[in-house]
Amino acid sequence: MNWYVSVLKKYAVFTGRAQRAEFWWFALFNFIVAVVLNVIDTVLGTANEMGYGILGGLYFLAVLLPSIGVAIRRLHDTGRTGWWLLIGFIPIIGFIVLIVFYCIDSEPGTNQYGPNPKGL
């Protein structure tokens, strides 16, 4: 939960670096919340035919900027620019490349985006 809150505190921060743990715990918590909200939307009848509901949509909008921010900071941690996030628009291949980048260990020491967050 601390990782999730730390990402939300950096709501629209696109500079610096993010550890793997920060990124993946945030992603896991987002997934769990999305599933729970989808179930609630379905039970309340606020979901449309495609399964999208009001609560899930509001949550998506609320965490859109923090999600982009932590993804960019994670790419910075591996020594890549945040523009690599756009490779995700390439079907299938782009998603796989991003997953690999998110799983790669941090660059040791300080890189052009700041000090290694593992050392802090």
Protein backbone atom coordinates (compact mmCIF):
# COMPACT_ATOMS: atom_id res chain seq x y z
CA MET A 1 0.00 0.00 0.00
CA ASN A 2 2.92 2.36 0.70
CA TRP A 3 4.08 2.06 -2.92
CA TYR A 4 0.61 2.93 -4.17
CA VAL A 5 0.37 5.99 -1.93
CA SER A 6 3.87 7.14 -2.86
CA VAL A 7 2.92 7.10 -6.56
CA LEU A 8 -0.27 9.06 -5.84
CA LYS A 9 1.75 11.64 -3.88
CA LYS A 10 3.78 12.18 -7.06
CA TYR A 11 0.50 12.69 -8.96
CA ALA A 12 1.88 14.30 -12.13
CA VAL A 13 5.63 13.94 -11.63
CA PHE A 14 7.33 12.76 -14.79
CA THR A 15 10.92 13.34 -13.69
CA GLY A 16 13.18 11.14 -11.62
CA ARG A 17 13.32 7.39 -11.29
CA ALA A 18 11.04 4.64 -9.96
CA GLN A 19 12.11 1.23 -8.70
CA ARG A 20 10.60 -1.96 -10.05
CA ALA A 21 8.78 -2.50 -6.76
CA GLU A 22 7.13 0.92 -6.93
CA PHE A 23 5.93 0.31 -10.49
CA TRP A 24 4.72 -3.29 -10.05
CA TRP A 25 3.00 -2.78 -6.68
CA PHE A 26 1.16 0.20 -8.15
CA ALA A 27 0.16 -1.89 -11.19
CA LEU A 28 -1.03 -4.77 -8.99
CA PHE A 29 -3.08 -2.51 -6.73
CA ASN A 30 -4.62 -0.80 -9.79
CA PHE A 31 -5.58 -4.17 -11.23
CA ILE A 32 -7.21 -5.29 -7.99
CA VAL A 33 -9.16 -2.02 -7.63
CA ALA A 34 -10.27 -2.21 -11.28
CA VAL A 35 -11.61 -5.76 -10.82
CA VAL A 36 -13.46 -4.81 -7.62
CA LEU A 37 -14.96 -1.70 -9.23
CA ASN A 38 -15.99 -3.74 -12.28
CA VAL A 39 -17.83 -6.19 -10.02
CA ILE A 40 -19.51 -3.33 -8.16
CA ASP A 41 -20.51 -1.67 -11.45
CA THR A 42 -21.97 -4.95 -12.68
CA VAL A 43 -23.92 -5.54 -9.46
CA LEU A 44 -25.24 -1.96 -9.41
CA GLY A 45 -26.13 -2.15 -13.10
CA THR A 46 -23.97 0.85 -14.00
CA ALA A 47 -21.87 -1.14 -16.47
CA ASN A 48 -22.64 -0.99 -20.19
CA GLU A 49 -22.76 -3.92 -22.62
CA MET A 50 -18.97 -3.86 -23.04
CA GLY A 51 -18.42 -4.11 -19.28
CA TYR A 52 -17.32 -0.53 -18.66
CA GLY A 53 -18.93 1.15 -15.68
CA ILE A 54 -19.15 4.56 -14.12
CA LEU A 55 -17.03 3.75 -11.06
CA GLY A 56 -14.33 2.06 -13.13
CA GLY A 57 -14.27 4.97 -15.56
CA LEU A 58 -13.91 7.52 -12.78
CA TYR A 59 -11.12 5.50 -11.18
CA PHE A 60 -9.35 5.23 -14.56
CA LEU A 61 -9.47 8.99 -14.98
CA ALA A 62 -8.24 9.54 -11.42
CA VAL A 63 -5.14 7.36 -11.83
CA LEU A 64 -4.33 8.13 -15.48
CA LEU A 65 -1.64 10.76 -14.79
CA PRO A 66 -0.03 8.84 -11.88
CA SER A 67 0.08 5.71 -14.07
CA ILE A 68 1.80 7.54 -16.91
CA GLY A 69 4.14 9.22 -14.44
CA VAL A 70 5.28 6.01 -12.75
CA ALA A 71 5.72 4.31 -16.15
CA ILE A 72 7.93 7.15 -17.37
CA ARG A 73 9.92 7.17 -14.13
CA ARG A 74 10.38 3.39 -14.45
CA LEU A 75 11.74 3.85 -17.98
CA HIS A 76 14.06 6.56 -16.64
CA ASP A 77 15.32 4.08 -14.05
CA THR A 78 16.41 1.75 -16.85
CA GLY A 79 18.16 4.61 -18.66
CA ARG A 80 15.48 5.20 -21.30
CA THR A 81 13.57 8.33 -22.13
CA GLY A 82 9.85 8.50 -21.36
CA TRP A 83 9.12 8.68 -25.08
CA TRP A 84 9.62 4.91 -25.18
CA LEU A 85 6.15 4.72 -23.66
CA LEU A 86 4.76 5.46 -27.13
CA ILE A 87 6.03 2.09 -28.39
CA GLY A 88 3.02 0.66 -26.57
CA PHE A 89 0.86 1.84 -29.47
CA ILE A 90 2.40 -0.84 -31.69
CA PRO A 91 0.07 -3.84 -31.35
CA ILE A 92 1.41 -6.80 -29.34
CA ILE A 93 5.14 -6.10 -29.96
CA GLY A 94 5.05 -2.70 -28.26
CA PHE A 95 3.38 -4.13 -25.15
CA ILE A 96 5.94 -6.93 -24.93
CA VAL A 97 8.85 -4.49 -25.31
CA LEU A 98 7.46 -2.29 -22.52
CA ILE A 99 7.01 -5.28 -20.20
CA VAL A 100 10.66 -6.22 -20.80
CA PHE A 101 11.78 -2.65 -20.10
CA TYR A 102 9.71 -2.54 -16.89
CA CYS A 103 11.30 -5.81 -15.71
CA ILE A 104 14.92 -4.80 -16.35
CA ASP A 105 16.95 -3.91 -13.28
CA SER A 106 17.84 -0.30 -12.50
CA GLU A 107 20.93 1.32 -13.93
CA PRO A 108 23.50 1.37 -11.13
CA GLY A 109 24.49 4.71 -9.68
CA THR A 110 23.29 8.03 -10.96
CA ASN A 111 22.10 8.38 -14.53
CA GLN A 112 20.87 11.44 -16.44
CA TYR A 113 17.48 11.18 -14.68
CA GLY A 114 18.79 11.21 -11.13
CA PRO A 115 20.24 9.00 -8.41
CA ASN A 116 19.37 5.33 -8.18
CA PRO A 117 16.29 5.02 -5.92
CA LYS A 118 17.62 1.75 -4.51
CA GLY A 119 20.43 3.63 -2.83
CA LEU A 120 18.15 6.17 -1.14
